[in-house]
């Protein structure tokens, strides 16, 4: 059977990449540490959209748990990981606000009630 050009070299590259990335995400905490950690964090949320954001944040927190005590970081810097956490948090906040935005007529009604109350 003929070999598909590039197939074996891709698999060899992915093997090296997997080891290198797994060192950043699992370290000596076990091969599936980051997945187990994400599972625990996601389980704390009921809304499926919130679970997605919590998982993104958990991936980065798991990475920090490994890389902050690592002698060497193979891929994105620790600072990049902190920046990802900040960005995902802000995106989640914006999405949460958008999903829970009240229709304008309710906002006007609430403002009118507040203004009409004696101070």
PDB file of N, CA and C in Angstrom:
ATOM      1  N   UNK A   1       0.854  -1.177   0.000  1.00  0.00           N
ATOM      2  CA  UNK A   1       0.000   0.000   0.000  1.00  0.00           C
ATOM      3  C   UNK A   1       0.902   1.242   0.000  1.00  0.00           C
ATOM      4  N   UNK A   2       0.645   2.177  -0.897  1.00  0.00           N
ATOM      5  CA  UNK A   2       1.479   3.380  -0.949  1.00  0.00           C
ATOM      6  C   UNK A   2       1.219   4.278   0.264  1.00  0.00           C
ATOM      7  N   UNK A   3       2.266   4.941   0.691  1.00  0.00           N
ATOM      8  CA  UNK A   3       2.160   5.861   1.828  1.00  0.00           C
ATOM      9  C   UNK A   3       1.676   7.226   1.339  1.00  0.00           C
ATOM     10  N   UNK A   4       0.795   7.828   2.105  1.00  0.00           N
ATOM     11  CA  UNK A   4       0.329   9.175   1.779  1.00  0.00           C
ATOM     12  C   UNK A   4       1.471  10.144   2.094  1.00  0.00           C
ATOM     13  N   UNK A   5       1.856  10.963   1.124  1.00  0.00           N
ATOM     14  CA  UNK A   5       2.964  11.892   1.357  1.00  0.00           C
ATOM     15  C   UNK A   5       2.688  12.792   2.562  1.00  0.00           C
ATOM     16  N   UNK A   6       3.648  12.848   3.451  1.00  0.00           N
ATOM     17  CA  UNK A   6       3.557  13.721   4.621  1.00  0.00           C
ATOM     18  C   UNK A   6       2.846  13.131   5.817  1.00  0.00           C
ATOM     19  N   UNK A   7       2.196  11.984   5.667  1.00  0.00           N
ATOM     20  CA  UNK A   7       1.419  11.417   6.768  1.00  0.00           C
ATOM     21  C   UNK A   7       2.308  11.049   7.957  1.00  0.00           C
ATOM     22  N   UNK A   8       3.328  10.248   7.722  1.00  0.00           N
ATOM     23  CA  UNK A   8       4.193   9.786   8.815  1.00  0.00           C
ATOM     24  C   UNK A   8       4.937  10.961   9.443  1.00  0.00           C
ATOM     25  N   UNK A   9       5.420  11.879   8.637  1.00  0.00           N
ATOM     26  CA  UNK A   9       6.138  13.033   9.200  1.00  0.00           C
ATOM     27  C   UNK A   9       5.201  13.894  10.042  1.00  0.00           C
ATOM     28  N   UNK A  10       3.929  14.002   9.647  1.00  0.00           N
ATOM     29  CA  UNK A  10       2.945  14.752  10.444  1.00  0.00           C
ATOM     30  C   UNK A  10       2.721  14.069  11.790  1.00  0.00           C
ATOM     31  N   UNK A  11       2.586  12.746  11.770  1.00  0.00           N
ATOM     32  CA  UNK A  11       2.379  12.002  13.013  1.00  0.00           C
ATOM     33  C   UNK A  11       3.591  12.155  13.931  1.00  0.00           C
ATOM     34  N   UNK A  12       4.789  12.093  13.381  1.00  0.00           N
ATOM     35  CA  UNK A  12       6.005  12.272  14.180  1.00  0.00           C
ATOM     36  C   UNK A  12       6.056  13.672  14.792  1.00  0.00           C
ATOM     37  N   UNK A  13       5.706  14.678  14.000  1.00  0.00           N
ATOM     38  CA  UNK A  13       5.670  16.046  14.511  1.00  0.00           C
ATOM     39  C   UNK A  13       4.636  16.181  15.626  1.00  0.00           C
ATOM     40  N   UNK A  14       3.446  15.616  15.424  1.00  0.00           N
ATOM     41  CA  UNK A  14       2.385  15.704  16.422  1.00  0.00           C
ATOM     42  C   UNK A  14       2.767  14.999  17.713  1.00  0.00           C
ATOM     43  N   UNK A  15       3.527  13.933  17.616  1.00  0.00           N
ATOM     44  CA  UNK A  15       4.002  13.217  18.799  1.00  0.00           C
ATOM     45  C   UNK A  15       4.892  14.142  19.640  1.00  0.00           C
ATOM     46  N   UNK A  16       5.782  14.836  18.993  1.00  0.00           N
ATOM     47  CA  UNK A  16       6.671  15.775  19.691  1.00  0.00           C
ATOM     48  C   UNK A  16       5.875  16.954  20.257  1.00  0.00           C
ATOM     49  N   UNK A  17       4.967  17.483  19.459  1.00  0.00           N
ATOM     50  CA  UNK A  17       4.145  18.611  19.901  1.00  0.00           C
ATOM     51  C   UNK A  17       3.285  18.231  21.098  1.00  0.00           C
ATOM     52  N   UNK A  18       2.688  17.052  21.042  1.00  0.00           N
ATOM     53  CA  UNK A  18       1.859  16.572  22.149  1.00  0.00           C
ATOM     54  C   UNK A  18       2.657  16.519  23.446  1.00  0.00           C
ATOM     55  N   UNK A  19       3.831  15.958  23.409  1.00  0.00           N
ATOM     56  CA  UNK A  19       4.671  15.847  24.617  1.00  0.00           C
ATOM     57  C   UNK A  19       5.005  17.233  25.157  1.00  0.00           C
ATOM     58  N   UNK A  20       5.386  18.120  24.273  1.00  0.00           N
ATOM     59  CA  UNK A  20       5.770  19.467  24.671  1.00  0.00           C
ATOM     60  C   UNK A  20       4.601  20.232  25.277  1.00  0.00           C
ATOM     61  N   UNK A  21       3.429  20.175  24.643  1.00  0.00           N
ATOM     62  CA  UNK A  21       2.256  20.877  25.164  1.00  0.00           C
ATOM     63  C   UNK A  21       1.746  20.228  26.450  1.00  0.00           C
ATOM     64  N   UNK A  22       1.788  18.908  26.502  1.00  0.00           N
ATOM     65  CA  UNK A  22       1.320  18.226  27.700  1.00  0.00           C
ATOM     66  C   UNK A  22       2.183  18.590  28.903  1.00  0.00           C
ATOM     67  N   UNK A  23       3.457  18.854  28.677  1.00  0.00           N
ATOM     68  CA  UNK A  23       4.324  19.309  29.765  1.00  0.00           C
ATOM     69  C   UNK A  23       3.828  20.638  30.333  1.00  0.00           C
ATOM     70  N   UNK A  24       3.317  21.517  29.462  1.00  0.00           N
ATOM     71  CA  UNK A  24       2.804  22.818  29.913  1.00  0.00           C
ATOM     72  C   UNK A  24       1.438  22.710  30.588  1.00  0.00           C
ATOM     73  N   UNK A  25       0.638  21.734  30.206  1.00  0.00           N
ATOM     74  CA  UNK A  25      -0.722  21.649  30.723  1.00  0.00           C
ATOM     75  C   UNK A  25      -0.906  20.600  31.820  1.00  0.00           C
ATOM     76  N   UNK A  26      -0.025  19.627  31.899  1.00  0.00           N
ATOM     77  CA  UNK A  26      -0.188  18.571  32.904  1.00  0.00           C
ATOM     78  C   UNK A  26       1.016  18.412  33.814  1.00  0.00           C
ATOM     79  N   UNK A  27       2.202  18.658  33.287  1.00  0.00           N
ATOM     80  CA  UNK A  27       3.415  18.529  34.086  1.00  0.00           C
ATOM     81  C   UNK A  27       3.472  17.193  34.782  1.00  0.00           C
ATOM     82  N   UNK A  28       3.767  17.227  36.062  1.00  0.00           N
ATOM     83  CA  UNK A  28       3.837  15.986  36.848  1.00  0.00           C
ATOM     84  C   UNK A  28       2.519  15.693  37.563  1.00  0.00           C
ATOM     85  N   UNK A  29       1.459  16.414  37.199  1.00  0.00           N
ATOM     86  CA  UNK A  29       0.154  16.246  37.859  1.00  0.00           C
ATOM     87  C   UNK A  29      -0.689  15.137  37.220  1.00  0.00           C
ATOM     88  N   UNK A  30      -0.159  14.482  36.211  1.00  0.00           N
ATOM     89  CA  UNK A  30      -0.888  13.402  35.537  1.00  0.00           C
ATOM     90  C   UNK A  30      -1.288  13.812  34.131  1.00  0.00           C
ATOM     91  N   UNK A  31      -1.303  12.858  33.229  1.00  0.00           N
ATOM     92  CA  UNK A  31      -1.533  13.128  31.810  1.00  0.00           C
ATOM     93  C   UNK A  31      -2.860  13.823  31.535  1.00  0.00           C
ATOM     94  N   UNK A  32      -3.871  13.591  32.380  1.00  0.00           N
ATOM     95  CA  UNK A  32      -5.203  14.151  32.129  1.00  0.00           C
ATOM     96  C   UNK A  32      -5.576  15.247  33.128  1.00  0.00           C
ATOM     97  N   UNK A  33      -4.585  15.786  33.840  1.00  0.00           N
ATOM     98  CA  UNK A  33      -4.848  16.800  34.872  1.00  0.00           C
ATOM     99  C   UNK A  33      -5.710  17.937  34.360  1.00  0.00           C
ATOM    100  N   UNK A  34      -5.332  18.521  33.231  1.00  0.00           N
ATOM    101  CA  UNK A  34      -6.074  19.686  32.740  1.00  0.00           C
ATOM    102  C   UNK A  34      -7.519  19.328  32.383  1.00  0.00           C
ATOM    103  N   UNK A  35      -7.750  18.142  31.853  1.00  0.00           N
ATOM    104  CA  UNK A  35      -9.112  17.731  31.514  1.00  0.00           C
ATOM    105  C   UNK A  35      -9.937  17.472  32.777  1.00  0.00           C
ATOM    106  N   UNK A  36      -9.330  16.837  33.757  1.00  0.00           N
ATOM    107  CA  UNK A  36     -10.022  16.573  35.020  1.00  0.00           C
ATOM    108  C   UNK A  36     -10.366  17.881  35.724  1.00  0.00           C
ATOM    109  N   UNK A  37      -9.421  18.815  35.720  1.00  0.00           N
ATOM    110  CA  UNK A  37      -9.636  20.120  36.338  1.00  0.00           C
ATOM    111  C   UNK A  37     -10.778  20.858  35.639  1.00  0.00           C
ATOM    112  N   UNK A  38     -10.773  20.854  34.318  1.00  0.00           N
ATOM    113  CA  UNK A  38     -11.843  21.515  33.548  1.00  0.00           C
ATOM    114  C   UNK A  38     -13.195  20.880  33.829  1.00  0.00           C
ATOM    115  N   UNK A  39     -13.213  19.573  33.954  1.00  0.00           N
ATOM    116  CA  UNK A  39     -14.459  18.856  34.251  1.00  0.00           C
ATOM    117  C   UNK A  39     -15.031  19.321  35.586  1.00  0.00           C
ATOM    118  N   UNK A  40     -14.181  19.446  36.586  1.00  0.00           N
ATOM    119  CA  UNK A  40     -14.621  19.886  37.916  1.00  0.00           C
ATOM    120  C   UNK A  40     -15.159  21.315  37.848  1.00  0.00           C
ATOM    121  N   UNK A  41     -14.420  22.208  37.213  1.00  0.00           N
ATOM    122  CA  UNK A  41     -14.838  23.609  37.138  1.00  0.00           C
ATOM    123  C   UNK A  41     -16.148  23.741  36.356  1.00  0.00           C
ATOM    124  N   UNK A  42     -16.246  23.098  35.209  1.00  0.00           N
ATOM    125  CA  UNK A  42     -17.470  23.195  34.397  1.00  0.00           C
ATOM    126  C   UNK A  42     -18.676  22.650  35.147  1.00  0.00           C
ATOM    127  N   UNK A  43     -18.458  21.647  35.965  1.00  0.00           N
ATOM    128  CA  UNK A  43     -19.589  21.047  36.689  1.00  0.00           C
ATOM    129  C   UNK A  43     -20.209  21.996  37.711  1.00  0.00           C
ATOM    130  N   UNK A  44     -19.524  23.065  38.039  1.00  0.00           N
ATOM    131  CA  UNK A  44     -20.025  24.025  39.020  1.00  0.00           C
ATOM    132  C   UNK A  44     -21.073  24.976  38.433  1.00  0.00           C
ATOM    133  N   UNK A  45     -21.229  24.945  37.110  1.00  0.00           N
ATOM    134  CA  UNK A  45     -22.142  25.863  36.430  1.00  0.00           C
ATOM    135  C   UNK A  45     -23.306  25.093  35.830  1.00  0.00           C
ATOM    136  N   UNK A  46     -24.494  25.710  35.867  1.00  0.00           N
ATOM    137  CA  UNK A  46     -25.678  25.063  35.306  1.00  0.00           C
ATOM    138  C   UNK A  46     -25.895  25.436  33.845  1.00  0.00           C
ATOM    139  N   UNK A  47     -25.723  26.694  33.515  1.00  0.00           N
ATOM    140  CA  UNK A  47     -25.963  27.173  32.156  1.00  0.00           C
ATOM    141  C   UNK A  47     -24.866  26.644  31.230  1.00  0.00           C
ATOM    142  N   UNK A  48     -25.263  26.070  30.100  1.00  0.00           N
ATOM    143  CA  UNK A  48     -24.272  25.477  29.207  1.00  0.00           C
ATOM    144  C   UNK A  48     -23.308  26.514  28.637  1.00  0.00           C
ATOM    145  N   UNK A  49     -23.764  27.720  28.360  1.00  0.00           N
ATOM    146  CA  UNK A  49     -22.873  28.766  27.855  1.00  0.00           C
ATOM    147  C   UNK A  49     -21.840  29.126  28.915  1.00  0.00           C
ATOM    148  N   UNK A  50     -22.279  29.246  30.175  1.00  0.00           N
ATOM    149  CA  UNK A  50     -21.343  29.533  31.255  1.00  0.00           C
ATOM    150  C   UNK A  50     -20.325  28.408  31.414  1.00  0.00           C
ATOM    151  N   UNK A  51     -20.753  27.176  31.203  1.00  0.00           N
ATOM    152  CA  UNK A  51     -19.828  26.031  31.269  1.00  0.00           C
ATOM    153  C   UNK A  51     -18.705  26.175  30.247  1.00  0.00           C
ATOM    154  N   UNK A  52     -19.042  26.675  29.068  1.00  0.00           N
ATOM    155  CA  UNK A  52     -18.032  26.859  28.022  1.00  0.00           C
ATOM    156  C   UNK A  52     -16.986  27.874  28.477  1.00  0.00           C
ATOM    157  N   UNK A  53     -17.444  29.022  28.959  1.00  0.00           N
ATOM    158  CA  UNK A  53     -16.502  30.042  29.425  1.00  0.00           C
ATOM    159  C   UNK A  53     -15.679  29.531  30.606  1.00  0.00           C
ATOM    160  N   UNK A  54     -16.340  28.870  31.544  1.00  0.00           N
ATOM    161  CA  UNK A  54     -15.628  28.328  32.705  1.00  0.00           C
ATOM    162  C   UNK A  54     -14.561  27.333  32.268  1.00  0.00           C
ATOM    163  N   UNK A  55     -14.852  26.564  31.233  1.00  0.00           N
ATOM    164  CA  UNK A  55     -13.875  25.595  30.727  1.00  0.00           C
ATOM    165  C   UNK A  55     -12.679  26.302  30.109  1.00  0.00           C
ATOM    166  N   UNK A  56     -12.927  27.341  29.318  1.00  0.00           N
ATOM    167  CA  UNK A  56     -11.817  28.100  28.745  1.00  0.00           C
ATOM    168  C   UNK A  56     -10.912  28.651  29.851  1.00  0.00           C
ATOM    169  N   UNK A  57     -11.535  29.205  30.882  1.00  0.00           N
ATOM    170  CA  UNK A  57     -10.754  29.738  32.001  1.00  0.00           C
ATOM    171  C   UNK A  57     -10.036  28.623  32.756  1.00  0.00           C
ATOM    172  N   UNK A  58     -10.692  27.508  32.930  1.00  0.00           N
ATOM    173  CA  UNK A  58     -10.088  26.384  33.654  1.00  0.00           C
ATOM    174  C   UNK A  58      -8.870  25.837  32.917  1.00  0.00           C
ATOM    175  N   UNK A  59      -8.927  25.815  31.589  1.00  0.00           N
ATOM    176  CA  UNK A  59      -7.768  25.363  30.812  1.00  0.00           C
ATOM    177  C   UNK A  59      -6.561  26.239  31.140  1.00  0.00           C
ATOM    178  N   UNK A  60      -6.770  27.523  31.179  1.00  0.00           N
ATOM    179  CA  UNK A  60      -5.669  28.448  31.457  1.00  0.00           C
ATOM    180  C   UNK A  60      -5.228  28.367  32.925  1.00  0.00           C
ATOM    181  N   UNK A  61      -6.180  28.189  33.836  1.00  0.00           N
ATOM    182  CA  UNK A  61      -5.809  28.030  35.250  1.00  0.00           C
ATOM    183  C   UNK A  61      -5.013  26.745  35.464  1.00  0.00           C
ATOM    184  N   UNK A  62      -5.411  25.679  34.802  1.00  0.00           N
ATOM    185  CA  UNK A  62      -4.666  24.419  34.905  1.00  0.00           C
ATOM    186  C   UNK A  62      -3.254  24.612  34.378  1.00  0.00           C
ATOM    187  N   UNK A  63      -3.137  25.342  33.289  1.00  0.00           N
ATOM    188  CA  UNK A  63      -1.813  25.607  32.719  1.00  0.00           C
ATOM    189  C   UNK A  63      -0.961  26.400  33.711  1.00  0.00           C
ATOM    190  N   UNK A  64      -1.557  27.403  34.347  1.00  0.00           N
ATOM    191  CA  UNK A  64      -0.811  28.180  35.350  1.00  0.00           C
ATOM    192  C   UNK A  64      -0.389  27.314  36.530  1.00  0.00           C
ATOM    193  N   UNK A  65      -1.266  26.410  36.943  1.00  0.00           N
ATOM    194  CA  UNK A  65      -0.941  25.525  38.070  1.00  0.00           C
ATOM    195  C   UNK A  65       0.314  24.717  37.770  1.00  0.00           C
ATOM    196  N   UNK A  66       0.539  24.427  36.503  1.00  0.00           N
ATOM    197  CA  UNK A  66       1.723  23.663  36.109  1.00  0.00           C
ATOM    198  C   UNK A  66       2.902  24.591  35.835  1.00  0.00           C
ATOM    199  N   UNK A  67       2.681  25.618  35.027  1.00  0.00           N
ATOM    200  CA  UNK A  67       3.809  26.426  34.553  1.00  0.00           C
ATOM    201  C   UNK A  67       4.385  27.374  35.600  1.00  0.00           C
ATOM    202  N   UNK A  68       3.584  27.796  36.574  1.00  0.00           N
ATOM    203  CA  UNK A  68       4.143  28.709  37.588  1.00  0.00           C
ATOM    204  C   UNK A  68       5.236  28.050  38.416  1.00  0.00           C
ATOM    205  N   UNK A  69       5.227  26.739  38.487  1.00  0.00           N
ATOM    206  CA  UNK A  69       6.281  26.053  39.244  1.00  0.00           C
ATOM    207  C   UNK A  69       7.235  25.282  38.328  1.00  0.00           C
ATOM    208  N   UNK A  70       7.069  25.433  37.025  1.00  0.00           N
ATOM    209  CA  UNK A  70       7.915  24.713  36.069  1.00  0.00           C
ATOM    210  C   UNK A  70       9.256  25.424  35.896  1.00  0.00           C
ATOM    211  N   UNK A  71      10.254  24.644  35.594  1.00  0.00           N
ATOM    212  CA  UNK A  71      11.577  25.214  35.313  1.00  0.00           C
ATOM    213  C   UNK A  71      11.601  25.830  33.923  1.00  0.00           C
ATOM    214  N   UNK A  72      10.763  25.282  33.041  1.00  0.00           N
ATOM    215  CA  UNK A  72      10.746  25.727  31.650  1.00  0.00           C
ATOM    216  C   UNK A  72       9.315  25.695  31.121  1.00  0.00           C
ATOM    217  N   UNK A  73       8.952  26.721  30.370  1.00  0.00           N
ATOM    218  CA  UNK A  73       7.646  26.776  29.709  1.00  0.00           C
ATOM    219  C   UNK A  73       7.914  26.617  28.216  1.00  0.00           C
ATOM    220  N   UNK A  74       7.217  25.674  27.598  1.00  0.00           N
ATOM    221  CA  UNK A  74       7.514  25.336  26.202  1.00  0.00           C
ATOM    222  C   UNK A  74       6.807  26.207  25.176  1.00  0.00           C
ATOM    223  N   UNK A  75       5.626  26.686  25.488  1.00  0.00           N
ATOM    224  CA  UNK A  75       4.853  27.398  24.469  1.00  0.00           C
ATOM    225  C   UNK A  75       4.509  28.795  24.964  1.00  0.00           C
ATOM    226  N   UNK A  76       3.252  29.191  24.937  1.00  0.00           N
ATOM    227  CA  UNK A  76       2.925  30.563  25.313  1.00  0.00           C
ATOM    228  C   UNK A  76       3.500  30.906  26.681  1.00  0.00           C
ATOM    229  N   UNK A  77       3.899  32.178  26.826  1.00  0.00           N
ATOM    230  CA  UNK A  77       4.496  32.610  28.087  1.00  0.00           C
ATOM    231  C   UNK A  77       3.444  32.623  29.205  1.00  0.00           C
ATOM    232  N   UNK A  78       3.925  32.645  30.416  1.00  0.00           N
ATOM    233  CA  UNK A  78       3.029  32.739  31.571  1.00  0.00           C
ATOM    234  C   UNK A  78       2.218  34.034  31.493  1.00  0.00           C
ATOM    235  N   UNK A  79       2.865  35.111  31.059  1.00  0.00           N
ATOM    236  CA  UNK A  79       2.156  36.387  30.918  1.00  0.00           C
ATOM    237  C   UNK A  79       1.023  36.271  29.888  1.00  0.00           C
ATOM    238  N   UNK A  80       1.277  35.547  28.799  1.00  0.00           N
ATOM    239  CA  UNK A  80       0.224  35.330  27.796  1.00  0.00           C
ATOM    240  C   UNK A  80      -0.951  34.563  28.398  1.00  0.00           C
ATOM    241  N   UNK A  81      -0.646  33.613  29.262  1.00  0.00           N
ATOM    242  CA  UNK A  81      -1.703  32.837  29.902  1.00  0.00           C
ATOM    243  C   UNK A  81      -2.549  33.734  30.803  1.00  0.00           C
ATOM    244  N   UNK A  82      -1.903  34.602  31.570  1.00  0.00           N
ATOM    245  CA  UNK A  82      -2.653  35.568  32.387  1.00  0.00           C
ATOM    246  C   UNK A  82      -3.511  36.468  31.497  1.00  0.00           C
ATOM    247  N   UNK A  83      -2.954  36.927  30.379  1.00  0.00           N
ATOM    248  CA  UNK A  83      -3.714  37.786  29.463  1.00  0.00           C
ATOM    249  C   UNK A  83      -4.915  37.045  28.878  1.00  0.00           C
ATOM    250  N   UNK A  84      -4.733  35.763  28.562  1.00  0.00           N
ATOM    251  CA  UNK A  84      -5.864  34.964  28.077  1.00  0.00           C
ATOM    252  C   UNK A  84      -6.956  34.879  29.135  1.00  0.00           C
ATOM    253  N   UNK A  85      -6.568  34.682  30.388  1.00  0.00           N
ATOM    254  CA  UNK A  85      -7.554  34.629  31.477  1.00  0.00           C
ATOM    255  C   UNK A  85      -8.342  35.933  31.562  1.00  0.00           C
ATOM    256  N   UNK A  86      -7.632  37.041  31.468  1.00  0.00           N
ATOM    257  CA  UNK A  86      -8.291  38.351  31.524  1.00  0.00           C
ATOM    258  C   UNK A  86      -9.248  38.508  30.349  1.00  0.00           C
ATOM    259  N   UNK A  87      -8.765  38.197  29.137  1.00  0.00           N
ATOM    260  CA  UNK A  87      -9.609  38.345  27.945  1.00  0.00           C
ATOM    261  C   UNK A  87     -10.846  37.461  28.009  1.00  0.00           C
ATOM    262  N   UNK A  88     -10.675  36.185  28.379  1.00  0.00           N
ATOM    263  CA  UNK A  88     -11.835  35.290  28.469  1.00  0.00           C
ATOM    264  C   UNK A  88     -12.822  35.774  29.520  1.00  0.00           C
ATOM    265  N   UNK A  89     -12.323  36.327  30.612  1.00  0.00           N
ATOM    266  CA  UNK A  89     -13.214  36.849  31.654  1.00  0.00           C
ATOM    267  C   UNK A  89     -14.028  38.039  31.144  1.00  0.00           C
ATOM    268  N   UNK A  90     -13.368  38.944  30.426  1.00  0.00           N
ATOM    269  CA  UNK A  90     -14.066  40.108  29.897  1.00  0.00           C
ATOM    270  C   UNK A  90     -15.086  39.686  28.838  1.00  0.00           C
ATOM    271  N   UNK A  91     -14.697  38.753  27.972  1.00  0.00           N
ATOM    272  CA  UNK A  91     -15.638  38.261  26.953  1.00  0.00           C
ATOM    273  C   UNK A  91     -16.843  37.617  27.631  1.00  0.00           C
ATOM    274  N   UNK A  92     -16.598  36.818  28.662  1.00  0.00           N
ATOM    275  CA  UNK A  92     -17.695  36.168  29.389  1.00  0.00           C
ATOM    276  C   UNK A  92     -18.618  37.213  30.001  1.00  0.00           C
ATOM    277  N   UNK A  93     -18.019  38.238  30.622  1.00  0.00           N
ATOM    278  CA  UNK A  93     -18.823  39.297  31.233  1.00  0.00           C
ATOM    279  C   UNK A  93     -19.703  39.968  30.181  1.00  0.00           C
ATOM    280  N   UNK A  94     -19.128  40.310  29.039  1.00  0.00           N
ATOM    281  CA  UNK A  94     -19.891  40.971  27.973  1.00  0.00           C
ATOM    282  C   UNK A  94     -21.018  40.074  27.471  1.00  0.00           C
ATOM    283  N   UNK A  95     -20.722  38.794  27.310  1.00  0.00           N
ATOM    284  CA  UNK A  95     -21.744  37.856  26.857  1.00  0.00           C
ATOM    285  C   UNK A  95     -22.845  37.711  27.905  1.00  0.00           C
ATOM    286  N   UNK A  96     -22.454  37.623  29.163  1.00  0.00           N
ATOM    287  CA  UNK A  96     -23.431  37.500  30.254  1.00  0.00           C
ATOM    288  C   UNK A  96     -24.368  38.710  30.256  1.00  0.00           C
ATOM    289  N   UNK A  97     -23.802  39.903  30.141  1.00  0.00           N
ATOM    290  CA  UNK A  97     -24.612  41.125  30.130  1.00  0.00           C
ATOM    291  C   UNK A  97     -25.547  41.124  28.929  1.00  0.00           C
ATOM    292  N   UNK A  98     -25.026  40.752  27.774  1.00  0.00           N
ATOM    293  CA  UNK A  98     -25.853  40.730  26.558  1.00  0.00           C
ATOM    294  C   UNK A  98     -26.994  39.722  26.687  1.00  0.00           C
ATOM    295  N   UNK A  99     -26.687  38.543  27.238  1.00  0.00           N
ATOM    296  CA  UNK A  99     -27.720  37.513  27.398  1.00  0.00           C
ATOM    297  C   UNK A  99     -28.785  37.914  28.407  1.00  0.00           C
ATOM    298  N   UNK A 100     -28.427  38.766  29.351  1.00  0.00           N
ATOM    299  CA  UNK A 100     -29.355  39.130  30.420  1.00  0.00           C
ATOM    300  C   UNK A 100     -29.862  40.560  30.298  1.00  0.00           C
ATOM    301  N   UNK A 101     -29.641  41.134  29.138  1.00  0.00           N
ATOM    302  CA  UNK A 101     -30.075  42.510  28.902  1.00  0.00           C
ATOM    303  C   UNK A 101     -31.592  42.578  28.944  1.00  0.00           C
ATOM    304  N   UNK A 102     -32.067  43.566  29.660  1.00  0.00           N
ATOM    305  CA  UNK A 102     -33.511  43.750  29.736  1.00  0.00           C
ATOM    306  C   UNK A 102     -33.973  44.547  28.527  1.00  0.00           C
ATOM    307  N   UNK A 103     -35.179  44.286  28.073  1.00  0.00           N
ATOM    308  CA  UNK A 103     -35.729  45.100  26.981  1.00  0.00           C
ATOM    309  C   UNK A 103     -35.806  46.564  27.428  1.00  0.00           C
ATOM    310  N   UNK A 104     -35.647  47.471  26.492  1.00  0.00           N
ATOM    311  CA  UNK A 104     -35.583  48.897  26.798  1.00  0.00           C
ATOM    312  C   UNK A 104     -36.808  49.395  27.553  1.00  0.00           C
ATOM    313  N   UNK A 105     -37.983  48.862  27.275  1.00  0.00           N
ATOM    314  CA  UNK A 105     -39.187  49.364  27.957  1.00  0.00           C
ATOM    315  C   UNK A 105     -39.130  49.040  29.459  1.00  0.00           C
ATOM    316  N   UNK A 106     -38.485  47.935  29.831  1.00  0.00           N
ATOM    317  CA  UNK A 106     -38.351  47.625  31.259  1.00  0.00           C
ATOM    318  C   UNK A 106     -37.329  48.531  31.931  1.00  0.00           C
ATOM    319  N   UNK A 107     -36.265  48.881  31.206  1.00  0.00           N
ATOM    320  CA  UNK A 107     -35.263  49.795  31.755  1.00  0.00           C
ATOM    321  C   UNK A 107     -35.867  51.176  31.984  1.00  0.00           C
ATOM    322  N   UNK A 108     -36.674  51.639  31.041  1.00  0.00           N
ATOM    323  CA  UNK A 108     -37.338  52.949  31.173  1.00  0.00           C
ATOM    324  C   UNK A 108     -38.298  52.919  32.360  1.00  0.00           C
ATOM    325  N   UNK A 109     -39.050  51.849  32.474  1.00  0.00           N
ATOM    326  CA  UNK A 109     -40.001  51.702  33.574  1.00  0.00           C
ATOM    327  C   UNK A 109     -39.276  51.727  34.929  1.00  0.00           C
ATOM    328  N   UNK A 110     -38.182  51.011  35.047  1.00  0.00           N
ATOM    329  CA  UNK A 110     -37.418  50.995  36.299  1.00  0.00           C
ATOM    330  C   UNK A 110     -36.871  52.373  36.630  1.00  0.00           C
ATOM    331  N   UNK A 111     -36.342  53.074  35.625  1.00  0.00           N
ATOM    332  CA  UNK A 111     -35.808  54.416  35.848  1.00  0.00           C
ATOM    333  C   UNK A 111     -36.891  55.374  36.282  1.00  0.00           C
ATOM    334  N   UNK A 112     -38.076  55.257  35.696  1.00  0.00           N
ATOM    335  CA  UNK A 112     -39.204  56.116  36.044  1.00  0.00           C
ATOM    336  C   UNK A 112     -39.622  55.878  37.489  1.00  0.00           C
ATOM    337  N   UNK A 113     -39.660  54.639  37.889  1.00  0.00           N
ATOM    338  CA  UNK A 113     -40.034  54.288  39.279  1.00  0.00           C
ATOM    339  C   UNK A 113     -39.012  54.854  40.247  1.00  0.00           C
ATOM    340  N   UNK A 114     -37.725  54.723  39.930  1.00  0.00           N
ATOM    341  CA  UNK A 114     -36.671  55.246  40.810  1.00  0.00           C
ATOM    342  C   UNK A 114     -36.779  56.761  40.951  1.00  0.00           C
ATOM    343  N   UNK A 115     -37.017  57.443  39.838  1.00  0.00           N
ATOM    344  CA  UNK A 115     -37.103  58.904  39.869  1.00  0.00           C
ATOM    345  C   UNK A 115     -38.338  59.395  40.602  1.00  0.00           C
ATOM    346  N   UNK A 116     -39.404  58.628  40.599  1.00  0.00           N
ATOM    347  CA  UNK A 116     -40.639  59.083  41.228  1.00  0.00           C
ATOM    348  C   UNK A 116     -40.660  58.827  42.739  1.00  0.00           C
ATOM    349  N   UNK A 117     -39.710  58.009  43.232  1.00  0.00           N
ATOM    350  CA  UNK A 117     -39.663  57.754  44.669  1.00  0.00           C
ATOM    351  C   UNK A 117     -39.117  58.982  45.395  1.00  0.00           C
ATOM    352  N   UNK A 118     -39.753  59.342  46.545  1.00  0.00           N
ATOM    353  CA  UNK A 118     -39.235  60.499  47.313  1.00  0.00           C
ATOM    354  C   UNK A 118     -37.865  60.166  47.894  1.00  0.00           C
ATOM    355  N   UNK A 119     -37.049  61.189  47.952  1.00  0.00           N
ATOM    356  CA  UNK A 119     -35.679  60.990  48.477  1.00  0.00           C
ATOM    357  C   UNK A 119     -35.565  61.379  49.912  1.00  0.00           C
TER     358      UNK A 119
END
